[in-house]
Amino acid sequence: MTVKTKRRLLLTVFFILPIVTAVCAIGWGRYSISVREIAACFFPGAFPGVEVTNNMVNIVFNIRVPRILLAILAGAGLSVSGAAFQGLFANPLATPDTLGVAAGASFGAVLGILLGLPSVGIQLMALIWGSVAVVIVFSVSRVKGISSLIMLILAGMVVGALFSALVSLVKYVADPQDVLPSITYWLLGTMSGVNMTRLALGTPLMIAGTILIFLLRWRLNALSLQEDEARSLGINVRLTRVLVIVAATAVTAAVISMCGLIGWVGLLIPHLSRMIFGSDNKYVIPSCIGLGALFMLIVDSIARSVMAAEIPVSILTSVIGAPFFIILLRRTGGVSS
């Protein structure tokens, strides 16, 4: 079996595993549902011996399916965005928040919570302010009409710090008895309460951004070369950078607007993919889609099932991700992008 065949087989496995895990996740929880009951919910009348109650249908379609879809999209999107930024900036520590989009989206969301907006309004505020943060970064990074990668990273750090301070200011003025707990819980990251309406608002951005990065994976390899060498290959370096940044920003802002801050996914999964496939984005980007979706499905299933009270997702991603990342570093000695 050739190396190429092995890689394709691995990619196939990485795409099948999230599907199998999703089916298991529908039935896994404090209210257990068997595989036959799940199938009967999706195909009424196809299983005569299986009794399907209204409560079971409600749990499957209104609670677990939207949440599982969000976990798949969020995990895949954050992983791909992290891999794209690591390749674009040639920095293995780059994350989806490199340009301050997470801090901007968080400010928009907590401001929406402070103003008492409904969940859709909070989501829109997060999307708007995440985009505003990146626009500010681009504006600040332009020197004599030119925006360099170093200036982008530095501007992202500054703008991220600014919006983090604004988030702290909103928390300071929020009502400590009512609003502040909601803000704190949202910032910890959670996928509870998601429904098809909220999912429909952010899904197009996540899917479009992920597909765009997937289509640009060949050019990401060229961007790891010197700029002159990339241009000699016919790559429009500036346009490619802008497209990658816009796509990753859209994905990150959409994810954060729906489920709050979720750390480590955009850092851990790309490193794991590179440990398996090397630095070729032809394989790294697709594997990030499968592995990211699988990771978030497992983490969210644990978060909602292991205790009576749901554990915030970001706590689990940190608890699982940090030790696993240390193991990766110990095994590889550091992973270059």
Protein backbone atom coordinates (compact mmCIF):
# COMPACT_ATOMS: atom_id res chain seq x y z
CA MET A 1 0.00 0.00 0.00
CA THR A 2 1.48 3.35 -1.05
CA VAL A 3 1.75 6.38 1.23
CA LYS A 4 -0.88 8.18 -0.83
CA THR A 5 -3.33 5.30 -0.45
CA LYS A 6 -2.72 5.14 3.30
CA ARG A 7 -3.39 8.86 3.63
CA ARG A 8 -6.60 8.64 1.65
CA LEU A 9 -7.73 5.69 3.76
CA LEU A 10 -7.01 7.65 6.95
CA LEU A 11 -8.95 10.64 5.65
CA THR A 12 -11.90 8.36 4.86
CA VAL A 13 -11.80 6.99 8.42
CA PHE A 14 -11.61 10.53 9.83
CA PHE A 15 -14.79 11.45 7.95
CA ILE A 16 -16.66 8.26 8.88
CA LEU A 17 -15.89 8.44 12.62
CA PRO A 18 -17.81 11.72 13.24
CA ILE A 19 -20.88 10.25 11.52
CA VAL A 20 -20.80 7.13 13.71
CA THR A 21 -20.12 9.24 16.81
CA ALA A 22 -23.01 11.57 15.94
CA VAL A 23 -25.46 8.65 15.83
CA CYS A 24 -24.16 7.44 19.20
CA ALA A 25 -24.38 10.98 20.62
CA ILE A 26 -28.08 11.23 19.70
CA GLY A 27 -28.80 8.28 21.98
CA TRP A 28 -26.26 9.10 24.68
CA GLY A 29 -27.37 11.18 27.65
CA ARG A 30 -29.38 11.13 30.84
CA TYR A 31 -32.36 10.13 28.70
CA SER A 32 -30.99 7.12 26.83
CA ILE A 33 -32.33 6.30 23.35
CA SER A 34 -31.46 3.09 21.48
CA VAL A 35 -30.30 2.98 17.87
CA ARG A 36 -33.61 1.40 16.77
CA GLU A 37 -35.56 4.15 18.53
CA ILE A 38 -33.38 6.79 16.84
CA ALA A 39 -34.04 5.18 13.46
CA ALA A 40 -37.78 5.06 14.24
CA CYS A 41 -37.74 8.79 15.02
CA PHE A 42 -36.20 9.56 11.63
CA PHE A 43 -38.28 7.02 9.71
CA PRO A 44 -41.77 6.81 11.29
CA GLY A 45 -43.55 3.55 10.60
CA ALA A 46 -40.44 1.75 9.36
CA PHE A 47 -40.01 -0.12 12.67
CA PRO A 48 -43.44 -1.42 13.78
CA GLY A 49 -42.20 -2.98 17.01
CA VAL A 50 -40.55 0.20 18.29
CA GLU A 51 -42.62 2.67 20.31
CA VAL A 52 -41.72 6.32 19.72
CA THR A 53 -43.06 8.88 22.21
CA ASN A 54 -43.50 12.62 21.69
CA ASN A 55 -40.93 13.24 24.40
CA MET A 56 -38.40 11.10 22.53
CA VAL A 57 -39.04 12.93 19.24
CA ASN A 58 -38.68 16.30 21.00
CA ILE A 59 -35.36 15.31 22.58
CA VAL A 60 -33.96 14.00 19.30
CA PHE A 61 -35.00 16.81 16.93
CA ASN A 62 -35.21 19.88 19.17
CA ILE A 63 -32.36 19.26 21.58
CA ARG A 64 -29.76 16.74 20.48
CA VAL A 65 -29.70 17.02 16.67
CA PRO A 66 -29.18 20.84 16.61
CA ARG A 67 -26.53 20.51 19.30
CA ILE A 68 -24.71 17.71 17.49
CA LEU A 69 -24.78 19.67 14.22
CA LEU A 70 -23.32 22.68 16.02
CA ALA A 71 -20.58 20.54 17.59
CA ILE A 72 -19.63 19.14 14.17
CA LEU A 73 -19.59 22.55 12.48
CA ALA A 74 -17.80 24.29 15.36
CA GLY A 75 -15.12 21.63 15.72
CA ALA A 76 -14.45 21.45 11.99
CA GLY A 77 -14.55 25.22 11.53
CA LEU A 78 -12.25 26.12 14.43
CA SER A 79 -9.76 23.40 13.47
CA VAL A 80 -9.62 24.48 9.83
CA SER A 81 -9.31 28.15 10.81
CA GLY A 82 -6.45 27.34 13.17
CA ALA A 83 -4.65 25.30 10.50
CA ALA A 84 -5.16 28.10 7.96
CA PHE A 85 -3.73 30.77 10.27
CA GLN A 86 -0.79 28.56 11.24
CA GLY A 87 0.03 28.05 7.58
CA LEU A 88 -0.59 31.68 6.62
CA PHE A 89 1.51 33.21 9.40
CA ALA A 90 4.08 30.37 9.46
CA ASN A 91 3.48 30.23 13.22
CA PRO A 92 2.56 26.95 14.95
CA LEU A 93 1.02 28.91 17.86
CA ALA A 94 -1.45 30.82 15.67
CA THR A 95 -5.09 30.26 16.60
CA PRO A 96 -8.47 31.39 15.21
CA ASP A 97 -8.23 34.36 17.63
CA THR A 98 -4.92 35.61 16.21
CA LEU A 99 -6.58 38.70 14.67
CA GLY A 100 -8.79 39.49 17.65
CA VAL A 101 -12.04 38.16 16.19
CA ALA A 102 -12.86 36.09 19.28
CA ALA A 103 -12.43 39.06 21.61
CA GLY A 104 -14.52 41.26 19.31
CA ALA A 105 -17.30 38.68 19.01
CA SER A 106 -17.24 38.15 22.78
CA PHE A 107 -17.67 41.88 23.36
CA GLY A 108 -20.61 41.96 20.97
CA ALA A 109 -22.27 39.02 22.71
CA VAL A 110 -21.80 40.27 26.28
CA LEU A 111 -23.03 43.72 25.19
CA GLY A 112 -26.12 42.05 23.75
CA ILE A 113 -26.66 40.17 27.03
CA LEU A 114 -26.26 43.44 28.97
CA LEU A 115 -28.85 45.13 26.75
CA GLY A 116 -31.26 42.24 27.26
CA LEU A 117 -31.43 41.22 23.60
CA PRO A 118 -32.93 37.85 22.58
CA SER A 119 -30.60 35.00 21.62
CA VAL A 120 -30.72 35.85 17.90
CA GLY A 121 -29.89 39.49 18.70
CA ILE A 122 -26.94 38.40 20.84
CA GLN A 123 -25.74 36.21 17.98
CA LEU A 124 -25.98 39.07 15.49
CA MET A 125 -24.11 41.42 17.84
CA ALA A 126 -21.32 38.85 18.15
CA LEU A 127 -21.06 38.46 14.37
CA ILE A 128 -21.02 42.23 13.81
CA TRP A 129 -18.41 43.05 16.44
CA GLY A 130 -16.21 40.11 15.43
CA SER A 131 -16.15 41.54 11.91
CA VAL A 132 -15.52 45.06 13.27
CA ALA A 133 -12.49 43.78 15.19
CA VAL A 134 -10.91 42.35 12.03
CA VAL A 135 -11.65 45.53 10.05
CA ILE A 136 -9.88 47.54 12.77
CA VAL A 137 -6.94 45.13 12.64
CA PHE A 138 -6.60 45.59 8.88
CA SER A 139 -6.82 49.38 9.26
CA VAL A 140 -4.23 49.53 12.03
CA SER A 141 -1.82 47.16 10.25
CA ARG A 142 -1.62 49.21 7.05
CA VAL A 143 1.61 51.19 6.86
CA LYS A 144 1.99 53.37 3.75
CA GLY A 145 -0.86 51.43 2.15
CA ILE A 146 0.77 48.03 2.75
CA SER A 147 -0.33 45.46 5.33
CA SER A 148 2.41 43.00 6.35
CA LEU A 149 1.92 39.74 8.23
CA ILE A 150 3.94 40.97 11.22
CA MET A 151 1.84 44.13 11.45
CA LEU A 152 -1.33 42.04 11.18
CA ILE A 153 -0.29 39.83 14.10
CA LEU A 154 0.75 42.81 16.25
CA ALA A 155 -2.44 44.69 15.42
CA GLY A 156 -4.45 41.56 16.22
CA MET A 157 -2.83 41.33 19.66
CA VAL A 158 -3.55 44.99 20.41
CA VAL A 159 -7.15 44.92 19.17
CA GLY A 160 -7.77 41.63 20.99
CA ALA A 161 -6.48 43.16 24.23
CA LEU A 162 -8.69 46.22 23.70
CA PHE A 163 -11.86 44.18 23.22
CA SER A 164 -10.94 41.91 26.15
CA ALA A 165 -10.77 45.05 28.30
CA LEU A 166 -14.19 46.12 26.99
CA VAL A 167 -15.58 42.69 27.91
CA SER A 168 -14.23 43.20 31.45
CA LEU A 169 -15.84 46.65 31.53
CA VAL A 170 -19.23 45.20 30.56
CA LYS A 171 -18.87 42.54 33.27
CA TYR A 172 -18.01 45.27 35.79
CA VAL A 173 -21.16 47.31 35.07
CA ALA A 174 -23.48 44.29 34.71
CA ASP A 175 -25.98 43.41 37.41
CA PRO A 176 -24.13 40.87 39.62
CA GLN A 177 -27.36 39.10 40.57
CA ASP A 178 -28.87 38.58 37.14
CA VAL A 179 -26.81 39.61 34.10
CA LEU A 180 -23.27 38.85 35.25
CA PRO A 181 -23.87 35.08 35.77
CA SER A 182 -25.30 34.87 32.23
CA ILE A 183 -22.27 36.66 30.79
CA THR A 184 -19.83 34.47 32.73
CA TYR A 185 -21.59 31.27 31.71
CA TRP A 186 -21.66 32.33 28.04
CA LEU A 187 -17.95 33.20 28.07
CA LEU A 188 -17.16 29.70 29.37
CA GLY A 189 -18.60 28.23 26.17
CA THR A 190 -21.74 26.14 25.92
CA MET A 191 -23.82 24.50 23.21
CA SER A 192 -26.97 24.24 25.28
CA GLY A 193 -30.05 26.08 24.10
CA VAL A 194 -29.13 25.96 20.43
CA ASN A 195 -32.03 25.53 18.04
CA MET A 196 -32.51 25.36 14.30
CA THR A 197 -33.18 29.11 14.05
CA ARG A 198 -29.90 30.05 15.70
CA LEU A 199 -28.13 27.32 13.76
CA ALA A 200 -29.50 28.63 10.46
CA LEU A 201 -28.07 32.09 11.17
CA GLY A 202 -24.47 31.00 11.66
CA THR A 203 -24.26 27.81 9.59
CA PRO A 204 -23.90 29.49 6.16
CA LEU A 205 -20.86 31.45 7.36
CA MET A 206 -19.23 28.39 8.92
CA ILE A 207 -19.81 26.19 5.87
CA ALA A 208 -18.79 28.87 3.35
CA GLY A 209 -15.62 29.76 5.27
CA THR A 210 -14.61 26.13 5.74
CA ILE A 211 -15.20 25.31 2.05
CA LEU A 212 -13.19 28.36 0.95
CA ILE A 213 -10.20 27.37 3.09
CA PHE A 214 -10.52 23.80 1.80
CA LEU A 215 -10.39 25.09 -1.80
CA LEU A 216 -7.35 27.25 -0.98
CA ARG A 217 -5.38 24.45 0.69
CA TRP A 218 -3.04 24.14 -2.32
CA ARG A 219 -2.24 27.86 -2.20
CA LEU A 220 -1.59 27.67 1.54
CA ASN A 221 1.32 25.37 0.74
CA ALA A 222 2.70 28.00 -1.65
CA LEU A 223 2.35 30.74 0.98
CA SER A 224 4.84 28.87 3.19
CA LEU A 225 7.50 29.75 0.59
CA GLN A 226 9.15 33.13 0.14
CA GLU A 227 6.76 35.70 -1.31
CA ASP A 228 8.72 35.97 -4.57
CA GLU A 229 8.72 32.20 -4.98
CA ALA A 230 4.97 32.05 -4.37
CA ARG A 231 4.39 34.73 -7.00
CA SER A 232 6.57 32.84 -9.47
CA LEU A 233 4.13 29.92 -9.12
CA GLY A 234 1.30 32.17 -10.27
CA ILE A 235 -0.17 32.74 -6.80
CA ASN A 236 -1.76 36.10 -6.08
CA VAL A 237 -0.28 36.30 -2.58
CA ARG A 238 -2.22 39.33 -1.37
CA LEU A 239 -5.60 38.06 -2.60
CA THR A 240 -4.99 34.60 -1.14
CA ARG A 241 -4.09 36.06 2.26
CA VAL A 242 -7.20 38.22 2.29
CA LEU A 243 -9.44 35.30 1.30
CA VAL A 244 -7.96 33.03 3.98
CA ILE A 245 -8.31 35.71 6.67
CA VAL A 246 -11.89 36.55 5.66
CA ALA A 247 -12.88 32.85 5.60
CA ALA A 248 -11.27 32.06 8.96
CA THR A 249 -12.75 35.20 10.50
CA ALA A 250 -16.26 34.34 9.28
CA VAL A 251 -16.01 30.82 10.69
CA THR A 252 -14.62 31.93 14.06
CA ALA A 253 -17.14 34.75 14.52
CA ALA A 254 -20.03 32.43 13.62
CA VAL A 255 -18.89 29.73 16.06
CA ILE A 256 -18.36 32.17 18.91
CA SER A 257 -21.70 33.87 18.26
CA MET A 258 -23.50 30.56 18.82
CA CYS A 259 -21.56 28.82 21.57
CA GLY A 260 -19.19 31.32 23.20
CA LEU A 261 -15.44 31.04 23.62
CA ILE A 262 -14.02 27.58 22.98
CA GLY A 263 -10.28 27.26 23.33
CA TRP A 264 -7.64 24.75 22.26
CA VAL A 265 -9.54 23.23 19.33
CA GLY A 266 -7.92 25.53 16.76
CA LEU A 267 -4.47 24.85 18.21
CA LEU A 268 -4.57 21.17 19.15
CA ILE A 269 -6.28 19.60 16.12
CA PRO A 270 -4.02 21.19 13.44
CA HIS A 271 -0.96 19.97 15.35
CA LEU A 272 -2.40 16.48 15.58
CA SER A 273 -3.14 16.54 11.84
CA ARG A 274 0.41 17.64 11.03
CA MET A 275 1.82 14.92 13.25
CA ILE A 276 -0.11 12.37 11.15
CA PHE A 277 0.19 13.85 7.64
CA GLY A 278 3.13 16.25 7.78
CA SER A 279 2.89 19.87 6.68
CA ASP A 280 1.05 19.30 3.37
CA ASN A 281 -2.22 21.25 3.63
CA LYS A 282 -3.68 19.01 0.93
CA TYR A 283 -4.17 16.47 3.74
CA VAL A 284 -3.99 18.67 6.86
CA ILE A 285 -7.06 20.77 6.05
CA PRO A 286 -9.39 17.79 5.27
CA SER A 287 -8.14 15.87 8.30
CA CYS A 288 -8.82 18.93 10.49
CA ILE A 289 -12.43 18.84 9.35
CA GLY A 290 -12.90 15.23 10.44
CA LEU A 291 -10.78 15.31 13.59
CA GLY A 292 -12.16 18.65 14.75
CA ALA A 293 -15.74 17.46 14.34
CA LEU A 294 -14.96 14.20 16.16
CA PHE A 295 -13.18 15.99 19.02
CA MET A 296 -16.02 18.46 19.63
CA LEU A 297 -18.66 15.73 19.42
CA ILE A 298 -16.90 13.70 22.10
CA VAL A 299 -16.24 16.73 24.33
CA ASP A 300 -19.83 18.02 24.09
CA SER A 301 -21.27 14.56 24.76
CA ILE A 302 -19.15 14.32 27.91
CA ALA A 303 -20.08 17.89 28.92
CA ARG A 304 -23.83 17.20 28.86
CA SER A 305 -23.77 13.65 30.22
CA VAL A 306 -21.07 13.10 32.81
CA MET A 307 -22.67 15.21 35.60
CA ALA A 308 -26.17 16.30 36.60
CA ALA A 309 -25.21 19.91 35.84
CA GLU A 310 -23.73 20.56 32.40
CA ILE A 311 -20.01 21.33 32.28
CA PRO A 312 -19.03 24.34 30.11
CA VAL A 313 -17.41 23.05 26.91
CA SER A 314 -14.35 25.31 27.09
CA ILE A 315 -13.38 23.88 30.47
CA LEU A 316 -13.33 20.37 29.05
CA THR A 317 -11.43 21.38 25.88
CA SER A 318 -8.75 22.92 28.10
CA VAL A 319 -8.63 20.01 30.55
CA ILE A 320 -8.36 17.49 27.69
CA GLY A 321 -6.45 19.65 25.22
CA ALA A 322 -3.61 20.95 27.39
CA PRO A 323 -2.26 17.55 28.56
CA PHE A 324 -2.75 16.06 25.08
CA PHE A 325 -0.89 18.97 23.51
CA ILE A 326 1.99 18.44 25.95
CA ILE A 327 2.12 14.77 24.92
CA LEU A 328 2.23 15.80 21.24
CA LEU A 329 5.09 18.21 21.90
CA ARG A 330 7.00 15.56 23.87
CA ARG A 331 6.61 13.07 21.02
CA THR A 332 7.41 15.42 18.16
CA GLY A 333 9.71 17.97 19.74
CA GLY A 334 7.47 20.72 18.33
CA VAL A 335 5.50 20.72 15.13
CA SER A 336 6.42 23.16 12.40
CA SER A 337 3.79 24.62 10.12
